[in-house]
C-alpha atoms as a PDB file:
ATOM      1  CA  UNK A   1      -0.227  -0.066   0.024  1.00  0.00           C
ATOM      2  CA  UNK A   2       0.810   3.455  -0.269  1.00  0.00           C
ATOM      3  CA  UNK A   3       2.637   6.075   2.584  1.00  0.00           C
ATOM      4  CA  UNK A   4      -0.488   8.153   2.280  1.00  0.00           C
ATOM      5  CA  UNK A   5      -2.493   5.652   2.823  1.00  0.00           C
ATOM      6  CA  UNK A   6      -0.947   5.122   6.121  1.00  0.00           C
ATOM      7  CA  UNK A   7      -0.489   8.531   6.599  1.00  0.00           C
ATOM      8  CA  UNK A   8      -4.074   9.742   6.316  1.00  0.00           C
ATOM      9  CA  UNK A   9      -4.805   6.612   8.636  1.00  0.00           C
ATOM     10  CA  UNK A  10      -3.394   7.531  11.211  1.00  0.00           C
ATOM     11  CA  UNK A  11      -4.293  11.358  10.727  1.00  0.00           C
ATOM     12  CA  UNK A  12      -7.724  10.308  10.788  1.00  0.00           C
ATOM     13  CA  UNK A  13      -6.616   8.073  14.343  1.00  0.00           C
ATOM     14  CA  UNK A  14      -4.971  10.226  16.285  1.00  0.00           C
ATOM     15  CA  UNK A  15      -8.247  13.223  15.109  1.00  0.00           C
ATOM     16  CA  UNK A  16     -10.579  10.742  16.714  1.00  0.00           C
ATOM     17  CA  UNK A  17      -7.755  10.869  20.046  1.00  0.00           C
ATOM     18  CA  UNK A  18      -7.000  14.780  20.193  1.00  0.00           C
ATOM     19  CA  UNK A  19     -11.016  15.277  19.953  1.00  0.00           C
ATOM     20  CA  UNK A  20     -12.801  12.211  22.428  1.00  0.00           C
ATOM     21  CA  UNK A  21      -9.580  13.424  24.318  1.00  0.00           C
ATOM     22  CA  UNK A  22     -11.353  17.324  24.618  1.00  0.00           C
ATOM     23  CA  UNK A  23     -14.539  15.365  25.058  1.00  0.00           C
ATOM     24  CA  UNK A  24     -13.474  12.730  28.068  1.00  0.00           C
ATOM     25  CA  UNK A  25     -11.210  15.605  29.094  1.00  0.00           C
ATOM     26  CA  UNK A  26      -9.275  13.334  31.011  1.00  0.00           C
ATOM     27  CA  UNK A  27      -7.774  15.731  33.715  1.00  0.00           C
ATOM     28  CA  UNK A  28      -6.996  13.909  36.775  1.00  0.00           C
ATOM     29  CA  UNK A  29      -5.616  14.686  40.382  1.00  0.00           C
ATOM     30  CA  UNK A  30      -2.434  12.721  39.740  1.00  0.00           C
ATOM     31  CA  UNK A  31      -0.917  13.121  36.265  1.00  0.00           C
ATOM     32  CA  UNK A  32       1.581  10.412  36.266  1.00  0.00           C
ATOM     33  CA  UNK A  33      -0.611   8.421  38.076  1.00  0.00           C
ATOM     34  CA  UNK A  34      -2.612   8.593  34.374  1.00  0.00           C
ATOM     35  CA  UNK A  35       0.627   8.027  32.392  1.00  0.00           C
ATOM     36  CA  UNK A  36       1.826   5.319  33.734  1.00  0.00           C
ATOM     37  CA  UNK A  37      -2.572   3.565  33.157  1.00  0.00           C
ATOM     38  CA  UNK A  38      -2.006   5.314  29.727  1.00  0.00           C
ATOM     39  CA  UNK A  39       1.469   3.770  28.524  1.00  0.00           C
ATOM     40  CA  UNK A  40      -0.062   0.288  29.925  1.00  0.00           C
ATOM     41  CA  UNK A  41      -3.100  -0.198  28.285  1.00  0.00           C
ATOM     42  CA  UNK A  42      -1.681   1.057  25.069  1.00  0.00           C
ATOM     43  CA  UNK A  43       1.620  -1.747  25.483  1.00  0.00           C
ATOM     44  CA  UNK A  44      -1.288  -4.967  26.589  1.00  0.00           C
ATOM     45  CA  UNK A  45      -2.669  -3.755  23.129  1.00  0.00           C
ATOM     46  CA  UNK A  46       0.598  -3.302  21.451  1.00  0.00           C
ATOM     47  CA  UNK A  47       1.321  -6.600  22.046  1.00  0.00           C
ATOM     48  CA  UNK A  48      -2.038  -8.056  21.711  1.00  0.00           C
ATOM     49  CA  UNK A  49      -1.791  -7.225  18.390  1.00  0.00           C
ATOM     50  CA  UNK A  50       1.900  -8.216  18.025  1.00  0.00           C
ATOM     51  CA  UNK A  51       1.285 -12.046  18.961  1.00  0.00           C
ATOM     52  CA  UNK A  52      -2.683 -12.037  17.054  1.00  0.00           C
ATOM     53  CA  UNK A  53      -1.543 -10.524  13.786  1.00  0.00           C
ATOM     54  CA  UNK A  54       1.453 -13.336  13.400  1.00  0.00           C
ATOM     55  CA  UNK A  55       3.805 -10.274  13.979  1.00  0.00           C
ATOM     56  CA  UNK A  56       6.372 -12.778  16.302  1.00  0.00           C
ATOM     57  CA  UNK A  57       7.319 -13.987  13.129  1.00  0.00           C
ATOM     58  CA  UNK A  58       9.440 -11.679  11.513  1.00  0.00           C
ATOM     59  CA  UNK A  59      10.596 -10.587  14.436  1.00  0.00           C
ATOM     60  CA  UNK A  60      13.883  -8.512  13.971  1.00  0.00           C
ATOM     61  CA  UNK A  61      16.250  -8.874  16.059  1.00  0.00           C
ATOM     62  CA  UNK A  62      19.803  -6.862  15.696  1.00  0.00           C
ATOM     63  CA  UNK A  63      23.099  -7.716  16.056  1.00  0.00           C
ATOM     64  CA  UNK A  64      24.494  -3.566  16.417  1.00  0.00           C
ATOM     65  CA  UNK A  65      24.726  -1.491  18.733  1.00  0.00           C
ATOM     66  CA  UNK A  66      23.794   1.453  17.170  1.00  0.00           C
ATOM     67  CA  UNK A  67      20.472  -0.363  16.801  1.00  0.00           C
ATOM     68  CA  UNK A  68      20.026  -1.070  20.972  1.00  0.00           C
ATOM     69  CA  UNK A  69      21.310   2.955  21.443  1.00  0.00           C
ATOM     70  CA  UNK A  70      19.082   4.143  19.300  1.00  0.00           C
ATOM     71  CA  UNK A  71      15.900   2.004  21.125  1.00  0.00           C
ATOM     72  CA  UNK A  72      17.656   3.296  24.303  1.00  0.00           C
ATOM     73  CA  UNK A  73      17.167   6.906  23.400  1.00  0.00           C
ATOM     74  CA  UNK A  74      14.027   6.769  21.656  1.00  0.00           C
ATOM     75  CA  UNK A  75      12.337   5.170  23.773  1.00  0.00           C
ATOM     76  CA  UNK A  76      13.802   7.437  26.853  1.00  0.00           C
ATOM     77  CA  UNK A  77      12.652   9.796  25.297  1.00  0.00           C
ATOM     78  CA  UNK A  78       8.614   8.814  24.639  1.00  0.00           C
ATOM     79  CA  UNK A  79       9.315   8.205  28.075  1.00  0.00           C
ATOM     80  CA  UNK A  80      10.115  11.049  29.635  1.00  0.00           C
ATOM     81  CA  UNK A  81       7.459  12.795  27.348  1.00  0.00           C
ATOM     82  CA  UNK A  82       4.334  10.598  28.730  1.00  0.00           C
ATOM     83  CA  UNK A  83       5.166  11.485  32.121  1.00  0.00           C
ATOM     84  CA  UNK A  84       5.580  15.669  31.117  1.00  0.00           C
ATOM     85  CA  UNK A  85       1.682  15.399  28.682  1.00  0.00           C
ATOM     86  CA  UNK A  86      -0.133  15.171  32.397  1.00  0.00           C
ATOM     87  CA  UNK A  87       1.372  17.863  34.033  1.00  0.00           C
ATOM     88  CA  UNK A  88       1.480  20.056  31.316  1.00  0.00           C
ATOM     89  CA  UNK A  89      -2.256  19.630  30.032  1.00  0.00           C
ATOM     90  CA  UNK A  90      -2.943  20.674  34.412  1.00  0.00           C
ATOM     91  CA  UNK A  91       0.202  23.619  33.916  1.00  0.00           C
ATOM     92  CA  UNK A  92      -1.373  25.619  31.300  1.00  0.00           C
ATOM     93  CA  UNK A  93      -4.802  26.472  29.011  1.00  0.00           C
ATOM     94  CA  UNK A  94      -4.682  24.461  25.892  1.00  0.00           C
ATOM     95  CA  UNK A  95      -4.509  26.649  23.093  1.00  0.00           C
ATOM     96  CA  UNK A  96      -0.914  27.727  25.070  1.00  0.00           C
ATOM     97  CA  UNK A  97       0.379  24.003  25.330  1.00  0.00           C
ATOM     98  CA  UNK A  98      -0.889  23.580  21.434  1.00  0.00           C
ATOM     99  CA  UNK A  99       1.034  26.429  20.210  1.00  0.00           C
ATOM    100  CA  UNK A 100       4.505  25.283  21.927  1.00  0.00           C
ATOM    101  CA  UNK A 101       3.907  21.952  21.332  1.00  0.00           C
ATOM    102  CA  UNK A 102       4.727  23.078  17.643  1.00  0.00           C
ATOM    103  CA  UNK A 103       8.333  22.959  18.560  1.00  0.00           C
ATOM    104  CA  UNK A 104       8.384  18.972  18.187  1.00  0.00           C
ATOM    105  CA  UNK A 105       7.730  19.314  14.348  1.00  0.00           C
ATOM    106  CA  UNK A 106      10.935  21.170  13.668  1.00  0.00           C
ATOM    107  CA  UNK A 107      13.027  19.301  16.129  1.00  0.00           C
ATOM    108  CA  UNK A 108      11.859  16.327  14.012  1.00  0.00           C
ATOM    109  CA  UNK A 109      11.911  17.716  10.845  1.00  0.00           C
ATOM    110  CA  UNK A 110      14.737  19.339  10.747  1.00  0.00           C
ATOM    111  CA  UNK A 111      16.999  16.166  13.249  1.00  0.00           C
ATOM    112  CA  UNK A 112      15.620  13.694   9.719  1.00  0.00           C
ATOM    113  CA  UNK A 113      16.630  15.807   7.562  1.00  0.00           C
ATOM    114  CA  UNK A 114      20.345  15.058   8.844  1.00  0.00           C
ATOM    115  CA  UNK A 115      19.510  12.209  10.299  1.00  0.00           C
ATOM    116  CA  UNK A 116      19.185  10.374   7.443  1.00  0.00           C
ATOM    117  CA  UNK A 117      20.323  12.282   4.594  1.00  0.00           C
ATOM    118  CA  UNK A 118      17.031  12.961   2.710  1.00  0.00           C
ATOM    119  CA  UNK A 119      17.248  16.183   0.344  1.00  0.00           C
ATOM    120  CA  UNK A 120      14.819  19.293   1.232  1.00  0.00           C
ATOM    121  CA  UNK A 121      13.146  19.947  -2.492  1.00  0.00           C
ATOM    122  CA  UNK A 122      11.487  23.299  -3.164  1.00  0.00           C
ATOM    123  CA  UNK A 123       8.046  21.378  -2.549  1.00  0.00           C
ATOM    124  CA  UNK A 124       8.743  19.360   0.591  1.00  0.00           C
ATOM    125  CA  UNK A 125      10.166  22.910   1.875  1.00  0.00           C
ATOM    126  CA  UNK A 126       7.084  24.685   1.261  1.00  0.00           C
ATOM    127  CA  UNK A 127       4.680  21.885   2.287  1.00  0.00           C
ATOM    128  CA  UNK A 128       5.963  22.022   5.727  1.00  0.00           C
ATOM    129  CA  UNK A 129       6.023  25.929   5.754  1.00  0.00           C
ATOM    130  CA  UNK A 130       2.531  26.356   5.184  1.00  0.00           C
ATOM    131  CA  UNK A 131       1.605  22.607   7.425  1.00  0.00           C
ATOM    132  CA  UNK A 132       3.146  24.820  10.127  1.00  0.00           C
ATOM    133  CA  UNK A 133       2.201  27.925   9.818  1.00  0.00           C
ATOM    134  CA  UNK A 134      -1.477  26.131   9.351  1.00  0.00           C
ATOM    135  CA  UNK A 135      -0.619  25.134  12.696  1.00  0.00           C
ATOM    136  CA  UNK A 136       0.332  28.058  14.749  1.00  0.00           C
ATOM    137  CA  UNK A 137      -2.669  29.442  13.235  1.00  0.00           C
ATOM    138  CA  UNK A 138      -5.478  27.021  14.449  1.00  0.00           C
ATOM    139  CA  UNK A 139      -3.507  26.836  18.212  1.00  0.00           C
ATOM    140  CA  UNK A 140      -2.256  30.607  18.800  1.00  0.00           C
ATOM    141  CA  UNK A 141      -5.074  32.269  20.423  1.00  0.00           C
ATOM    142  CA  UNK A 142      -4.449  35.752  23.196  1.00  0.00           C
ATOM    143  CA  UNK A 143      -5.830  34.327  26.451  1.00  0.00           C
ATOM    144  CA  UNK A 144      -6.450  37.109  29.138  1.00  0.00           C
ATOM    145  CA  UNK A 145      -4.642  34.294  31.940  1.00  0.00           C
ATOM    146  CA  UNK A 146      -0.876  33.988  32.924  1.00  0.00           C
ATOM    147  CA  UNK A 147       0.572  31.080  32.015  1.00  0.00           C
ATOM    148  CA  UNK A 148       2.978  29.174  33.909  1.00  0.00           C
ATOM    149  CA  UNK A 149       6.689  29.296  33.228  1.00  0.00           C
ATOM    150  CA  UNK A 150       7.517  25.998  34.755  1.00  0.00           C
ATOM    151  CA  UNK A 151       4.757  24.893  32.383  1.00  0.00           C
ATOM    152  CA  UNK A 152       6.210  26.622  29.030  1.00  0.00           C
ATOM    153  CA  UNK A 153       9.282  25.716  29.496  1.00  0.00           C
ATOM    154  CA  UNK A 154       8.142  21.767  30.393  1.00  0.00           C
ATOM    155  CA  UNK A 155       6.316  21.786  27.473  1.00  0.00           C
ATOM    156  CA  UNK A 156       9.405  23.435  25.486  1.00  0.00           C
ATOM    157  CA  UNK A 157      11.393  20.075  26.678  1.00  0.00           C
ATOM    158  CA  UNK A 158       9.281  17.499  26.090  1.00  0.00           C
ATOM    159  CA  UNK A 159       8.682  18.915  22.823  1.00  0.00           C
ATOM    160  CA  UNK A 160      12.274  18.476  21.867  1.00  0.00           C
ATOM    161  CA  UNK A 161      12.339  14.972  23.615  1.00  0.00           C
ATOM    162  CA  UNK A 162       9.345  14.335  21.272  1.00  0.00           C
ATOM    163  CA  UNK A 163      10.582  15.760  18.386  1.00  0.00           C
ATOM    164  CA  UNK A 164      13.615  13.457  18.904  1.00  0.00           C
ATOM    165  CA  UNK A 165      11.669  10.280  19.324  1.00  0.00           C
ATOM    166  CA  UNK A 166       9.732  10.876  16.238  1.00  0.00           C
ATOM    167  CA  UNK A 167      13.312  11.100  14.449  1.00  0.00           C
ATOM    168  CA  UNK A 168      14.911   8.226  15.348  1.00  0.00           C
ATOM    169  CA  UNK A 169      11.558   6.040  14.293  1.00  0.00           C
ATOM    170  CA  UNK A 170      12.092   5.740  11.136  1.00  0.00           C
ATOM    171  CA  UNK A 171      15.654   4.063  12.239  1.00  0.00           C
ATOM    172  CA  UNK A 172      14.021   1.819  14.768  1.00  0.00           C
ATOM    173  CA  UNK A 173      11.871   0.279  12.333  1.00  0.00           C
ATOM    174  CA  UNK A 174      15.023  -0.617  10.336  1.00  0.00           C
ATOM    175  CA  UNK A 175      16.178  -2.344  12.763  1.00  0.00           C
ATOM    176  CA  UNK A 176      13.197  -3.981  14.406  1.00  0.00           C
ATOM    177  CA  UNK A 177      10.708  -4.193  12.531  1.00  0.00           C
ATOM    178  CA  UNK A 178       7.602  -1.821  12.765  1.00  0.00           C
ATOM    179  CA  UNK A 179       5.270  -3.995  14.952  1.00  0.00           C
ATOM    180  CA  UNK A 180       8.470  -5.211  17.147  1.00  0.00           C
ATOM    181  CA  UNK A 181       9.417  -1.595  17.319  1.00  0.00           C
ATOM    182  CA  UNK A 182       5.685  -0.547  18.103  1.00  0.00           C
ATOM    183  CA  UNK A 183       5.812  -2.729  20.899  1.00  0.00           C
ATOM    184  CA  UNK A 184       9.204  -1.598  22.851  1.00  0.00           C
ATOM    185  CA  UNK A 185       8.621   1.940  22.308  1.00  0.00           C
ATOM    186  CA  UNK A 186       5.021   1.127  24.736  1.00  0.00           C
ATOM    187  CA  UNK A 187       6.153  -1.843  26.687  1.00  0.00           C
ATOM    188  CA  UNK A 188       9.801   0.115  27.632  1.00  0.00           C
ATOM    189  CA  UNK A 189       8.824   3.842  28.400  1.00  0.00           C
ATOM    190  CA  UNK A 190       5.636   2.110  30.459  1.00  0.00           C
ATOM    191  CA  UNK A 191       8.446   0.084  32.526  1.00  0.00           C
ATOM    192  CA  UNK A 192      10.397   3.552  33.147  1.00  0.00           C
ATOM    193  CA  UNK A 193       7.241   5.012  34.444  1.00  0.00           C
ATOM    194  CA  UNK A 194       7.236   3.185  37.257  1.00  0.00           C
ATOM    195  CA  UNK A 195      10.838   4.047  38.205  1.00  0.00           C
ATOM    196  CA  UNK A 196      11.346   5.103  41.223  1.00  0.00           C
ATOM    197  CA  UNK A 197       8.061   4.299  43.211  1.00  0.00           C
ATOM    198  CA  UNK A 198       4.534   5.485  42.714  1.00  0.00           C
ATOM    199  CA  UNK A 199       2.291   5.335  44.895  1.00  0.00           C
ATOM    200  CA  UNK A 200      -0.887   2.528  45.274  1.00  0.00           C
ATOM    201  CA  UNK A 201      -4.128   4.169  46.198  1.00  0.00           C
ATOM    202  CA  UNK A 202      -2.726   7.271  43.489  1.00  0.00           C
ATOM    203  CA  UNK A 203      -2.886   4.298  40.572  1.00  0.00           C
ATOM    204  CA  UNK A 204      -5.884   2.835  41.895  1.00  0.00           C
ATOM    205  CA  UNK A 205      -7.798   6.649  42.328  1.00  0.00           C
ATOM    206  CA  UNK A 206      -7.278   7.439  38.503  1.00  0.00           C
ATOM    207  CA  UNK A 207      -8.555   3.841  37.444  1.00  0.00           C
ATOM    208  CA  UNK A 208     -11.087   3.327  39.229  1.00  0.00           C
ATOM    209  CA  UNK A 209     -12.176   7.583  38.538  1.00  0.00           C
ATOM    210  CA  UNK A 210     -12.017   6.769  34.486  1.00  0.00           C
ATOM    211  CA  UNK A 211      -9.584   3.502  33.089  1.00  0.00           C
ATOM    212  CA  UNK A 212     -12.686   3.854  30.466  1.00  0.00           C
ATOM    213  CA  UNK A 213     -11.509   6.845  28.793  1.00  0.00           C
ATOM    214  CA  UNK A 214      -8.251   6.152  29.395  1.00  0.00           C
ATOM    215  CA  UNK A 215      -7.963   3.016  27.597  1.00  0.00           C
ATOM    216  CA  UNK A 216      -9.983   4.545  24.391  1.00  0.00           C
ATOM    217  CA  UNK A 217      -7.547   7.290  24.165  1.00  0.00           C
ATOM    218  CA  UNK A 218      -4.760   4.415  24.361  1.00  0.00           C
ATOM    219  CA  UNK A 219      -6.102   2.506  21.659  1.00  0.00           C
ATOM    220  CA  UNK A 220      -7.135   4.862  19.500  1.00  0.00           C
ATOM    221  CA  UNK A 221      -2.983   5.855  19.990  1.00  0.00           C
ATOM    222  CA  UNK A 222      -1.494   3.051  19.092  1.00  0.00           C
ATOM    223  CA  UNK A 223      -3.898   2.315  16.360  1.00  0.00           C
ATOM    224  CA  UNK A 224      -2.318   5.757  14.951  1.00  0.00           C
ATOM    225  CA  UNK A 225       0.875   5.485  16.074  1.00  0.00           C
ATOM    226  CA  UNK A 226       0.979   1.411  14.240  1.00  0.00           C
ATOM    227  CA  UNK A 227       0.286   3.081  11.347  1.00  0.00           C
ATOM    228  CA  UNK A 228       2.670   6.587  11.148  1.00  0.00           C
ATOM    229  CA  UNK A 229       5.437   3.469  11.858  1.00  0.00           C
ATOM    230  CA  UNK A 230       4.511   2.212   8.300  1.00  0.00           C
ATOM    231  CA  UNK A 231       4.523   5.052   6.668  1.00  0.00           C
ATOM    232  CA  UNK A 232       7.786   5.956   7.668  1.00  0.00           C
ATOM    233  CA  UNK A 233       9.136   2.293   6.439  1.00  0.00           C
ATOM    234  CA  UNK A 234       7.743   3.322   2.715  1.00  0.00           C
ATOM    235  CA  UNK A 235       8.597   6.840   2.405  1.00  0.00           C
ATOM    236  CA  UNK A 236      11.481   9.892   3.828  1.00  0.00           C
ATOM    237  CA  UNK A 237      10.905  10.595   7.344  1.00  0.00           C
ATOM    238  CA  UNK A 238      10.273  14.840   5.765  1.00  0.00           C
ATOM    239  CA  UNK A 239       7.528  13.816   4.152  1.00  0.00           C
ATOM    240  CA  UNK A 240       5.650  11.732   6.359  1.00  0.00           C
ATOM    241  CA  UNK A 241       6.097  13.824  10.061  1.00  0.00           C
ATOM    242  CA  UNK A 242       4.469  17.440   8.808  1.00  0.00           C
ATOM    243  CA  UNK A 243       1.548  15.183   6.874  1.00  0.00           C
ATOM    244  CA  UNK A 244       0.970  13.805  10.243  1.00  0.00           C
ATOM    245  CA  UNK A 245       0.522  16.973  12.620  1.00  0.00           C
ATOM    246  CA  UNK A 246      -2.357  18.116  10.396  1.00  0.00           C
ATOM    247  CA  UNK A 247      -4.149  15.285  12.892  1.00  0.00           C
ATOM    248  CA  UNK A 248      -4.215  19.099  15.338  1.00  0.00           C
ATOM    249  CA  UNK A 249      -5.231  21.217  12.527  1.00  0.00           C
ATOM    250  CA  UNK A 250      -8.147  18.863  11.595  1.00  0.00           C
ATOM    251  CA  UNK A 251      -9.213  18.174  15.394  1.00  0.00           C
ATOM    252  CA  UNK A 252      -9.771  21.955  15.068  1.00  0.00           C
ATOM    253  CA  UNK A 253     -11.479  22.124  12.267  1.00  0.00           C
ATOM    254  CA  UNK A 254     -13.468  19.753  13.486  1.00  0.00           C
ATOM    255  CA  UNK A 255     -14.112  21.041  16.139  1.00  0.00           C
ATOM    256  CA  UNK A 256     -16.352  24.000  14.635  1.00  0.00           C
ATOM    257  CA  UNK A 257     -19.345  21.734  13.598  1.00  0.00           C
ATOM    258  CA  UNK A 258     -18.585  19.286  16.793  1.00  0.00           C
ATOM    259  CA  UNK A 259     -18.162  20.495  19.619  1.00  0.00           C
ATOM    260  CA  UNK A 260     -19.283  24.141  18.413  1.00  0.00           C
ATOM    261  CA  UNK A 261     -16.080  25.971  18.781  1.00  0.00           C
ATOM    262  CA  UNK A 262     -16.868  29.164  16.621  1.00  0.00           C
ATOM    263  CA  UNK A 263     -13.975  31.244  17.887  1.00  0.00           C
ATOM    264  CA  UNK A 264     -11.927  32.492  15.610  1.00  0.00           C
ATOM    265  CA  UNK A 265     -13.504  30.723  12.608  1.00  0.00           C
ATOM    266  CA  UNK A 266     -12.230  32.313   9.546  1.00  0.00           C
ATOM    267  CA  UNK A 267      -8.523  31.845  10.557  1.00  0.00           C
ATOM    268  CA  UNK A 268      -8.937  28.188  11.047  1.00  0.00           C
ATOM    269  CA  UNK A 269     -10.458  27.619   7.560  1.00  0.00           C
ATOM    270  CA  UNK A 270      -7.270  30.000   5.763  1.00  0.00           C
ATOM    271  CA  UNK A 271      -5.482  27.333   7.878  1.00  0.00           C
ATOM    272  CA  UNK A 272      -7.088  24.763   6.532  1.00  0.00           C
ATOM    273  CA  UNK A 273      -6.592  25.663   2.871  1.00  0.00           C
ATOM    274  CA  UNK A 274      -2.898  26.451   3.468  1.00  0.00           C
ATOM    275  CA  UNK A 275      -3.019  22.840   5.475  1.00  0.00           C
ATOM    276  CA  UNK A 276      -4.542  21.241   2.428  1.00  0.00           C
ATOM    277  CA  UNK A 277      -1.988  23.148   0.188  1.00  0.00           C
ATOM    278  CA  UNK A 278       1.328  22.111   2.116  1.00  0.00           C
ATOM    279  CA  UNK A 279      -0.199  18.313   2.382  1.00  0.00           C
ATOM    280  CA  UNK A 280      -0.030  18.073  -1.447  1.00  0.00           C
ATOM    281  CA  UNK A 281       3.096  19.245  -1.825  1.00  0.00           C
ATOM    282  CA  UNK A 282       4.219  16.286   0.101  1.00  0.00           C
ATOM    283  CA  UNK A 283       2.419  13.456  -1.483  1.00  0.00           C
END
């Protein structure tokens, strides 16, 4: 299948994830406990798919040291990101958080150019640029509240880490296979989140409060991420990564219809047109 098929599928699942996250509002008392439950659900789902799909028959165990160093860096980045994302969500308004997180796209795109020696064609540069502009347009909102400096700094930090992880995903797929890498990227961070320790009552409190919502979000994330890896296995990372970020844009546009979020409609529509043009240039 075409890489665009997998990439568009990934966008659809991540858009659904973002919309449901707004509706379900998973905003608990213990952010780290939520992260542990979320990542653990993701690990169980990815392991289940790995065995039910028969992917274990094509498992790859690389002998290169580089492969294991890459896996270590990627999983630590994902683990720290998952550990911090729910904390950031409590410290910052959603619009501020979304704006700052655009740093991850720049890190992943620029890093992929160097890591994979991918060419920066005019079409690719313009397409990625238009998508980034559209993301800034839909995510930037004037707010009367003062944003937490700690929250902004933490958001920048975890955005850089997730950008690095995205950058490494393509090489990880090459070393470990798509399904094998998917399992590793979910299970290892889940284990890291337990360190150094976590209080049992915090886990049980958040599990009883919102396990159904967290399970749904984790399932959407696993499928979306797996499709993302499949797209990366078939084409250049600098084509896939910007296209995948249009899920943020489609979340905003569908929010106008489904969630009646009618503020700044003109700006959102302009962003939609720019993103569509940008995406077409990447394909």
